[in-house]
Amino acid sequence: MDITGIISALVVGLIIGALGRLAVPGKQHLPIWLTIVIGIVAAFVGSAIAALFTSMWIFVFAVQILVAAGGVLLIDGAYSRR
């Protein structure tokens, strides 16, 4: 993976984090930086999971959003208890 691939993954991660946060109903208690980190991680993990099945971009995008929504849900539950 070259530098443009990494930069594009980071940009997609920002978008994925925002969409994942929107997919979770209710109010979240996460700061924006944590949402961005969740989105970046979800972009990488979602791409790896989707690559097991297909490389169709819409499927990869949907899996990334689902992983981000799950990450927001899990991290928000742990973060809001503090």
PDB file of N, CA and C in Angstrom:
ATOM      1  N   MET A   1       0.856  -1.168   0.000  1.00  0.00           N
ATOM      2  CA  MET A   1       0.000   0.000   0.000  1.00  0.00           C
ATOM      3  C   MET A   1       0.902   1.231   0.000  1.00  0.00           C
ATOM      4  N   ASP A   2       0.658   2.119  -0.926  1.00  0.00           N
ATOM      5  CA  ASP A   2       1.471   3.325  -1.005  1.00  0.00           C
ATOM      6  C   ASP A   2       0.827   4.466  -0.214  1.00  0.00           C
ATOM      7  N   ILE A   3       1.459   5.626  -0.241  1.00  0.00           N
ATOM      8  CA  ILE A   3       1.012   6.753   0.579  1.00  0.00           C
ATOM      9  C   ILE A   3      -0.370   7.253   0.165  1.00  0.00           C
ATOM     10  N   THR A   4      -0.684   7.218  -1.131  1.00  0.00           N
ATOM     11  CA  THR A   4      -2.016   7.677  -1.555  1.00  0.00           C
ATOM     12  C   THR A   4      -3.095   6.720  -1.065  1.00  0.00           C
ATOM     13  N   GLY A   5      -2.784   5.443  -0.991  1.00  0.00           N
ATOM     14  CA  GLY A   5      -3.739   4.484  -0.448  1.00  0.00           C
ATOM     15  C   GLY A   5      -4.004   4.706   1.021  1.00  0.00           C
ATOM     16  N   ILE A   6      -2.969   5.056   1.758  1.00  0.00           N
ATOM     17  CA  ILE A   6      -3.121   5.321   3.184  1.00  0.00           C
ATOM     18  C   ILE A   6      -3.923   6.599   3.406  1.00  0.00           C
ATOM     19  N   ILE A   7      -3.605   7.632   2.642  1.00  0.00           N
ATOM     20  CA  ILE A   7      -4.337   8.901   2.780  1.00  0.00           C
ATOM     21  C   ILE A   7      -5.796   8.725   2.400  1.00  0.00           C
ATOM     22  N   SER A   8      -6.067   7.994   1.325  1.00  0.00           N
ATOM     23  CA  SER A   8      -7.462   7.779   0.944  1.00  0.00           C
ATOM     24  C   SER A   8      -8.193   6.931   1.977  1.00  0.00           C
ATOM     25  N   ALA A   9      -7.506   5.980   2.606  1.00  0.00           N
ATOM     26  CA  ALA A   9      -8.125   5.180   3.670  1.00  0.00           C
ATOM     27  C   ALA A   9      -8.462   6.050   4.872  1.00  0.00           C
ATOM     28  N   LEU A  10      -7.605   7.022   5.173  1.00  0.00           N
ATOM     29  CA  LEU A  10      -7.891   7.932   6.283  1.00  0.00           C
ATOM     30  C   LEU A  10      -9.091   8.825   5.985  1.00  0.00           C
ATOM     31  N   VAL A  11      -9.176   9.322   4.760  1.00  0.00           N
ATOM     32  CA  VAL A  11     -10.314  10.172   4.377  1.00  0.00           C
ATOM     33  C   VAL A  11     -11.605   9.365   4.393  1.00  0.00           C
ATOM     34  N   VAL A  12     -11.549   8.162   3.853  1.00  0.00           N
ATOM     35  CA  VAL A  12     -12.730   7.301   3.889  1.00  0.00           C
ATOM     36  C   VAL A  12     -13.083   6.969   5.331  1.00  0.00           C
ATOM     37  N   GLY A  13     -12.091   6.792   6.192  1.00  0.00           N
ATOM     38  CA  GLY A  13     -12.334   6.521   7.603  1.00  0.00           C
ATOM     39  C   GLY A  13     -13.059   7.656   8.294  1.00  0.00           C
ATOM     40  N   LEU A  14     -12.729   8.883   7.930  1.00  0.00           N
ATOM     41  CA  LEU A  14     -13.440  10.029   8.500  1.00  0.00           C
ATOM     42  C   LEU A  14     -14.916   9.989   8.127  1.00  0.00           C
ATOM     43  N   ILE A  15     -15.187   9.697   6.870  1.00  0.00           N
ATOM     44  CA  ILE A  15     -16.573   9.629   6.392  1.00  0.00           C
ATOM     45  C   ILE A  15     -17.295   8.452   7.027  1.00  0.00           C
ATOM     46  N   ILE A  16     -16.633   7.306   7.096  1.00  0.00           N
ATOM     47  CA  ILE A  16     -17.231   6.108   7.681  1.00  0.00           C
ATOM     48  C   ILE A  16     -17.572   6.335   9.150  1.00  0.00           C
ATOM     49  N   GLY A  17     -16.704   7.005   9.886  1.00  0.00           N
ATOM     50  CA  GLY A  17     -16.971   7.291  11.296  1.00  0.00           C
ATOM     51  C   GLY A  17     -18.202   8.154  11.478  1.00  0.00           C
ATOM     52  N   ALA A  18     -18.334   9.173  10.629  1.00  0.00           N
ATOM     53  CA  ALA A  18     -19.507  10.047  10.718  1.00  0.00           C
ATOM     54  C   ALA A  18     -20.779   9.287  10.371  1.00  0.00           C
ATOM     55  N   LEU A  19     -20.729   8.465   9.325  1.00  0.00           N
ATOM     56  CA  LEU A  19     -21.912   7.696   8.947  1.00  0.00           C
ATOM     57  C   LEU A  19     -22.245   6.625   9.981  1.00  0.00           C
ATOM     58  N   GLY A  20     -21.229   6.029  10.574  1.00  0.00           N
ATOM     59  CA  GLY A  20     -21.460   5.050  11.638  1.00  0.00           C
ATOM     60  C   GLY A  20     -22.116   5.673  12.846  1.00  0.00           C
ATOM     61  N   ARG A  21     -21.712   6.891  13.155  1.00  0.00           N
ATOM     62  CA  ARG A  21     -22.322   7.599  14.291  1.00  0.00           C
ATOM     63  C   ARG A  21     -23.766   7.965  13.979  1.00  0.00           C
ATOM     64  N   LEU A  22     -24.041   8.334  12.739  1.00  0.00           N
ATOM     65  CA  LEU A  22     -25.417   8.644  12.347  1.00  0.00           C
ATOM     66  C   LEU A  22     -26.302   7.409  12.332  1.00  0.00           C
ATOM     67  N   ALA A  23     -25.708   6.238  12.086  1.00  0.00           N
ATOM     68  CA  ALA A  23     -26.490   5.004  12.018  1.00  0.00           C
ATOM     69  C   ALA A  23     -26.963   4.532  13.388  1.00  0.00           C
ATOM     70  N   VAL A  24     -26.300   4.955  14.434  1.00  0.00           N
ATOM     71  CA  VAL A  24     -26.672   4.547  15.796  1.00  0.00           C
ATOM     72  C   VAL A  24     -27.710   5.538  16.324  1.00  0.00           C
ATOM     73  N   PRO A  25     -28.893   5.048  16.696  1.00  0.00           N
ATOM     74  CA  PRO A  25     -29.918   5.971  17.185  1.00  0.00           C
ATOM     75  C   PRO A  25     -29.595   6.498  18.582  1.00  0.00           C
ATOM     76  N   GLY A  26     -30.147   7.646  18.877  1.00  0.00           N
ATOM     77  CA  GLY A  26     -29.968   8.237  20.201  1.00  0.00           C
ATOM     78  C   GLY A  26     -28.750   9.125  20.274  1.00  0.00           C
ATOM     79  N   LYS A  27     -28.535   9.639  21.476  1.00  0.00           N
ATOM     80  CA  LYS A  27     -27.406  10.540  21.696  1.00  0.00           C
ATOM     81  C   LYS A  27     -26.176   9.734  22.085  1.00  0.00           C
ATOM     82  N   GLN A  28     -25.063  10.037  21.447  1.00  0.00           N
ATOM     83  CA  GLN A  28     -23.801   9.415  21.811  1.00  0.00           C
ATOM     84  C   GLN A  28     -22.984  10.403  22.631  1.00  0.00           C
ATOM     85  N   HIS A  29     -22.155   9.871  23.496  1.00  0.00           N
ATOM     86  CA  HIS A  29     -21.351  10.698  24.386  1.00  0.00           C
ATOM     87  C   HIS A  29     -19.884  10.719  23.969  1.00  0.00           C
ATOM     88  N   LEU A  30     -19.612  10.399  22.720  1.00  0.00           N
ATOM     89  CA  LEU A  30     -18.241  10.321  22.235  1.00  0.00           C
ATOM     90  C   LEU A  30     -17.752  11.667  21.725  1.00  0.00           C
ATOM     91  N   PRO A  31     -16.510  11.999  21.989  1.00  0.00           N
ATOM     92  CA  PRO A  31     -15.942  13.190  21.349  1.00  0.00           C
ATOM     93  C   PRO A  31     -15.683  12.908  19.868  1.00  0.00           C
ATOM     94  N   ILE A  32     -15.553  13.942  19.090  1.00  0.00           N
ATOM     95  CA  ILE A  32     -15.400  13.790  17.650  1.00  0.00           C
ATOM     96  C   ILE A  32     -14.107  13.067  17.294  1.00  0.00           C
ATOM     97  N   TRP A  33     -13.052  13.269  18.055  1.00  0.00           N
ATOM     98  CA  TRP A  33     -11.789  12.606  17.729  1.00  0.00           C
ATOM     99  C   TRP A  33     -11.907  11.096  17.878  1.00  0.00           C
ATOM    100  N   LEU A  34     -12.702  10.653  18.848  1.00  0.00           N
ATOM    101  CA  LEU A  34     -12.887   9.215  19.035  1.00  0.00           C
ATOM    102  C   LEU A  34     -13.752   8.632  17.922  1.00  0.00           C
ATOM    103  N   THR A  35     -14.716   9.392  17.445  1.00  0.00           N
ATOM    104  CA  THR A  35     -15.525   8.960  16.308  1.00  0.00           C
ATOM    105  C   THR A  35     -14.653   8.806  15.066  1.00  0.00           C
ATOM    106  N   ILE A  36     -13.722   9.718  14.873  1.00  0.00           N
ATOM    107  CA  ILE A  36     -12.815   9.647  13.721  1.00  0.00           C
ATOM    108  C   ILE A  36     -11.918   8.413  13.817  1.00  0.00           C
ATOM    109  N   VAL A  37     -11.397   8.140  15.003  1.00  0.00           N
ATOM    110  CA  VAL A  37     -10.552   6.962  15.198  1.00  0.00           C
ATOM    111  C   VAL A  37     -11.352   5.681  14.939  1.00  0.00           C
ATOM    112  N   ILE A  38     -12.570   5.631  15.434  1.00  0.00           N
ATOM    113  CA  ILE A  38     -13.430   4.467  15.186  1.00  0.00           C
ATOM    114  C   ILE A  38     -13.676   4.298  13.689  1.00  0.00           C
ATOM    115  N   GLY A  39     -13.905   5.391  12.991  1.00  0.00           N
ATOM    116  CA  GLY A  39     -14.135   5.332  11.556  1.00  0.00           C
ATOM    117  C   GLY A  39     -12.931   4.838  10.788  1.00  0.00           C
ATOM    118  N   ILE A  40     -11.748   5.273  11.174  1.00  0.00           N
ATOM    119  CA  ILE A  40     -10.531   4.827  10.492  1.00  0.00           C
ATOM    120  C   ILE A  40     -10.306   3.334  10.722  1.00  0.00           C
ATOM    121  N   VAL A  41     -10.471   2.903  11.957  1.00  0.00           N
ATOM    122  CA  VAL A  41     -10.318   1.470  12.255  1.00  0.00           C
ATOM    123  C   VAL A  41     -11.385   0.659  11.531  1.00  0.00           C
ATOM    124  N   ALA A  42     -12.613   1.160  11.510  1.00  0.00           N
ATOM    125  CA  ALA A  42     -13.703   0.452  10.836  1.00  0.00           C
ATOM    126  C   ALA A  42     -13.479   0.378   9.329  1.00  0.00           C
ATOM    127  N   ALA A  43     -12.855   1.389   8.752  1.00  0.00           N
ATOM    128  CA  ALA A  43     -12.562   1.357   7.318  1.00  0.00           C
ATOM    129  C   ALA A  43     -11.595   0.227   6.990  1.00  0.00           C
ATOM    130  N   PHE A  44     -10.560   0.072   7.810  1.00  0.00           N
ATOM    131  CA  PHE A  44      -9.602  -1.009   7.575  1.00  0.00           C
ATOM    132  C   PHE A  44     -10.204  -2.380   7.858  1.00  0.00           C
ATOM    133  N   VAL A  45     -10.881  -2.515   8.992  1.00  0.00           N
ATOM    134  CA  VAL A  45     -11.469  -3.807   9.366  1.00  0.00           C
ATOM    135  C   VAL A  45     -12.597  -4.187   8.408  1.00  0.00           C
ATOM    136  N   GLY A  46     -13.443  -3.225   8.072  1.00  0.00           N
ATOM    137  CA  GLY A  46     -14.545  -3.494   7.144  1.00  0.00           C
ATOM    138  C   GLY A  46     -14.062  -3.894   5.768  1.00  0.00           C
ATOM    139  N   SER A  47     -12.979  -3.282   5.306  1.00  0.00           N
ATOM    140  CA  SER A  47     -12.407  -3.653   4.010  1.00  0.00           C
ATOM    141  C   SER A  47     -11.878  -5.082   4.044  1.00  0.00           C
ATOM    142  N   ALA A  48     -11.240  -5.446   5.142  1.00  0.00           N
ATOM    143  CA  ALA A  48     -10.704  -6.801   5.263  1.00  0.00           C
ATOM    144  C   ALA A  48     -11.830  -7.839   5.304  1.00  0.00           C
ATOM    145  N   ILE A  49     -12.891  -7.535   6.031  1.00  0.00           N
ATOM    146  CA  ILE A  49     -14.018  -8.469   6.111  1.00  0.00           C
ATOM    147  C   ILE A  49     -14.710  -8.588   4.758  1.00  0.00           C
ATOM    148  N   ALA A  50     -14.953  -7.463   4.100  1.00  0.00           N
ATOM    149  CA  ALA A  50     -15.652  -7.484   2.813  1.00  0.00           C
ATOM    150  C   ALA A  50     -14.809  -8.141   1.729  1.00  0.00           C
ATOM    151  N   ALA A  51     -13.492  -8.056   1.830  1.00  0.00           N
ATOM    152  CA  ALA A  51     -12.615  -8.673   0.834  1.00  0.00           C
ATOM    153  C   ALA A  51     -12.719 -10.194   0.852  1.00  0.00           C
ATOM    154  N   LEU A  52     -13.195 -10.752   1.942  1.00  0.00           N
ATOM    155  CA  LEU A  52     -13.404 -12.200   2.002  1.00  0.00           C
ATOM    156  C   LEU A  52     -14.544 -12.644   1.087  1.00  0.00           C
ATOM    157  N   PHE A  53     -15.479 -11.733   0.789  1.00  0.00           N
ATOM    158  CA  PHE A  53     -16.652 -12.084   0.013  1.00  0.00           C
ATOM    159  C   PHE A  53     -16.624 -11.531  -1.404  1.00  0.00           C
ATOM    160  N   THR A  54     -16.355 -10.252  -1.551  1.00  0.00           N
ATOM    161  CA  THR A  54     -16.380  -9.611  -2.867  1.00  0.00           C
ATOM    162  C   THR A  54     -15.594  -8.309  -2.816  1.00  0.00           C
ATOM    163  N   SER A  55     -15.375  -7.735  -3.978  1.00  0.00           N
ATOM    164  CA  SER A  55     -14.694  -6.432  -4.021  1.00  0.00           C
ATOM    165  C   SER A  55     -15.627  -5.345  -4.544  1.00  0.00           C
ATOM    166  N   MET A  56     -16.922  -5.631  -4.578  1.00  0.00           N
ATOM    167  CA  MET A  56     -17.897  -4.638  -5.031  1.00  0.00           C
ATOM    168  C   MET A  56     -17.903  -3.466  -4.048  1.00  0.00           C
ATOM    169  N   TRP A  57     -17.692  -2.269  -4.547  1.00  0.00           N
ATOM    170  CA  TRP A  57     -17.466  -1.109  -3.672  1.00  0.00           C
ATOM    171  C   TRP A  57     -18.648  -0.810  -2.771  1.00  0.00           C
ATOM    172  N   ILE A  58     -19.869  -1.013  -3.235  1.00  0.00           N
ATOM    173  CA  ILE A  58     -21.041  -0.692  -2.411  1.00  0.00           C
ATOM    174  C   ILE A  58     -21.149  -1.675  -1.244  1.00  0.00           C
ATOM    175  N   PHE A  59     -20.784  -2.928  -1.474  1.00  0.00           N
ATOM    176  CA  PHE A  59     -20.789  -3.919  -0.391  1.00  0.00           C
ATOM    177  C   PHE A  59     -19.701  -3.601   0.630  1.00  0.00           C
ATOM    178  N   VAL A  60     -18.525  -3.237   0.149  1.00  0.00           N
ATOM    179  CA  VAL A  60     -17.420  -2.868   1.041  1.00  0.00           C
ATOM    180  C   VAL A  60     -17.819  -1.654   1.884  1.00  0.00           C
ATOM    181  N   PHE A  61     -18.431  -0.666   1.258  1.00  0.00           N
ATOM    182  CA  PHE A  61     -18.864   0.545   1.950  1.00  0.00           C
ATOM    183  C   PHE A  61     -19.907   0.215   3.019  1.00  0.00           C
ATOM    184  N   ALA A  62     -20.864  -0.647   2.696  1.00  0.00           N
ATOM    185  CA  ALA A  62     -21.905  -1.034   3.653  1.00  0.00           C
ATOM    186  C   ALA A  62     -21.308  -1.780   4.848  1.00  0.00           C
ATOM    187  N   VAL A  63     -20.363  -2.669   4.588  1.00  0.00           N
ATOM    188  CA  VAL A  63     -19.721  -3.408   5.683  1.00  0.00           C
ATOM    189  C   VAL A  63     -18.920  -2.455   6.566  1.00  0.00           C
ATOM    190  N   GLN A  64     -18.245  -1.487   5.958  1.00  0.00           N
ATOM    191  CA  GLN A  64     -17.491  -0.511   6.738  1.00  0.00           C
ATOM    192  C   GLN A  64     -18.413   0.304   7.645  1.00  0.00           C
ATOM    193  N   ILE A  65     -19.564   0.703   7.127  1.00  0.00           N
ATOM    194  CA  ILE A  65     -20.513   1.473   7.941  1.00  0.00           C
ATOM    195  C   ILE A  65     -21.065   0.619   9.082  1.00  0.00           C
ATOM    196  N   LEU A  66     -21.364  -0.641   8.801  1.00  0.00           N
ATOM    197  CA  LEU A  66     -21.865  -1.531   9.855  1.00  0.00           C
ATOM    198  C   LEU A  66     -20.812  -1.754  10.948  1.00  0.00           C
ATOM    199  N   VAL A  67     -19.565  -1.913  10.550  1.00  0.00           N
ATOM    200  CA  VAL A  67     -18.490  -2.084  11.536  1.00  0.00           C
ATOM    201  C   VAL A  67     -18.321  -0.801  12.355  1.00  0.00           C
ATOM    202  N   ALA A  68     -18.416   0.353  11.695  1.00  0.00           N
ATOM    203  CA  ALA A  68     -18.303   1.629  12.408  1.00  0.00           C
ATOM    204  C   ALA A  68     -19.460   1.826  13.379  1.00  0.00           C
ATOM    205  N   ALA A  69     -20.677   1.474  12.957  1.00  0.00           N
ATOM    206  CA  ALA A  69     -21.832   1.605  13.840  1.00  0.00           C
ATOM    207  C   ALA A  69     -21.679   0.691  15.052  1.00  0.00           C
ATOM    208  N   GLY A  70     -21.198  -0.520  14.828  1.00  0.00           N
ATOM    209  CA  GLY A  70     -20.949  -1.427  15.951  1.00  0.00           C
ATOM    210  C   GLY A  70     -19.870  -0.902  16.877  1.00  0.00           C
ATOM    211  N   GLY A  71     -18.823  -0.310  16.299  1.00  0.00           N
ATOM    212  CA  GLY A  71     -17.763   0.276  17.107  1.00  0.00           C
ATOM    213  C   GLY A  71     -18.250   1.455  17.926  1.00  0.00           C
ATOM    214  N   VAL A  72     -19.071   2.309  17.309  1.00  0.00           N
ATOM    215  CA  VAL A  72     -19.628   3.455  18.030  1.00  0.00           C
ATOM    216  C   VAL A  72     -20.506   2.969  19.167  1.00  0.00           C
ATOM    217  N   LEU A  73     -21.313   1.951  18.912  1.00  0.00           N
ATOM    218  CA  LEU A  73     -22.202   1.414  19.935  1.00  0.00           C
ATOM    219  C   LEU A  73     -21.411   0.832  21.110  1.00  0.00           C
ATOM    220  N   LEU A  74     -20.382   0.057  20.815  1.00  0.00           N
ATOM    221  CA  LEU A  74     -19.583  -0.559  21.881  1.00  0.00           C
ATOM    222  C   LEU A  74     -18.760   0.467  22.656  1.00  0.00           C
ATOM    223  N   ILE A  75     -18.081   1.333  21.940  1.00  0.00           N
ATOM    224  CA  ILE A  75     -17.215   2.308  22.597  1.00  0.00           C
ATOM    225  C   ILE A  75     -18.044   3.329  23.368  1.00  0.00           C
ATOM    226  N   ASP A  76     -19.193   3.718  22.826  1.00  0.00           N
ATOM    227  CA  ASP A  76     -20.043   4.682  23.530  1.00  0.00           C
ATOM    228  C   ASP A  76     -20.556   4.106  24.842  1.00  0.00           C
ATOM    229  N   GLY A  77     -20.881   2.817  24.841  1.00  0.00           N
ATOM    230  CA  GLY A  77     -21.330   2.193  26.074  1.00  0.00           C
ATOM    231  C   GLY A  77     -20.246   2.195  27.135  1.00  0.00           C
ATOM    232  N   ALA A  78     -19.011   1.940  26.726  1.00  0.00           N
ATOM    233  CA  ALA A  78     -17.907   1.948  27.676  1.00  0.00           C
ATOM    234  C   ALA A  78     -17.515   3.368  28.058  1.00  0.00           C
ATOM    235  N   TYR A  79     -17.576   4.293  27.115  1.00  0.00           N
ATOM    236  CA  TYR A  79     -17.151   5.677  27.363  1.00  0.00           C
ATOM    237  C   TYR A  79     -18.150   6.432  28.243  1.00  0.00           C
ATOM    238  N   SER A  80     -19.438   6.147  28.070  1.00  0.00           N
ATOM    239  CA  SER A  80     -20.453   6.895  28.833  1.00  0.00           C
ATOM    240  C   SER A  80     -20.532   6.435  30.292  1.00  0.00           C
ATOM    241  N   ARG A  81     -20.001   5.249  30.602  1.00  0.00           N
ATOM    242  CA  ARG A  81     -20.020   4.790  31.990  1.00  0.00           C
ATOM    243  C   ARG A  81     -19.007   5.511  32.849  1.00  0.00           C
ATOM    244  N   ARG A  82     -18.009   6.119  32.206  1.00  0.00           N
ATOM    245  CA  ARG A  82     -16.972   6.827  32.976  1.00  0.00           C
ATOM    246  C   ARG A  82     -17.467   8.093  33.551  1.00  0.00           C
TER     247      ARG A  82
END
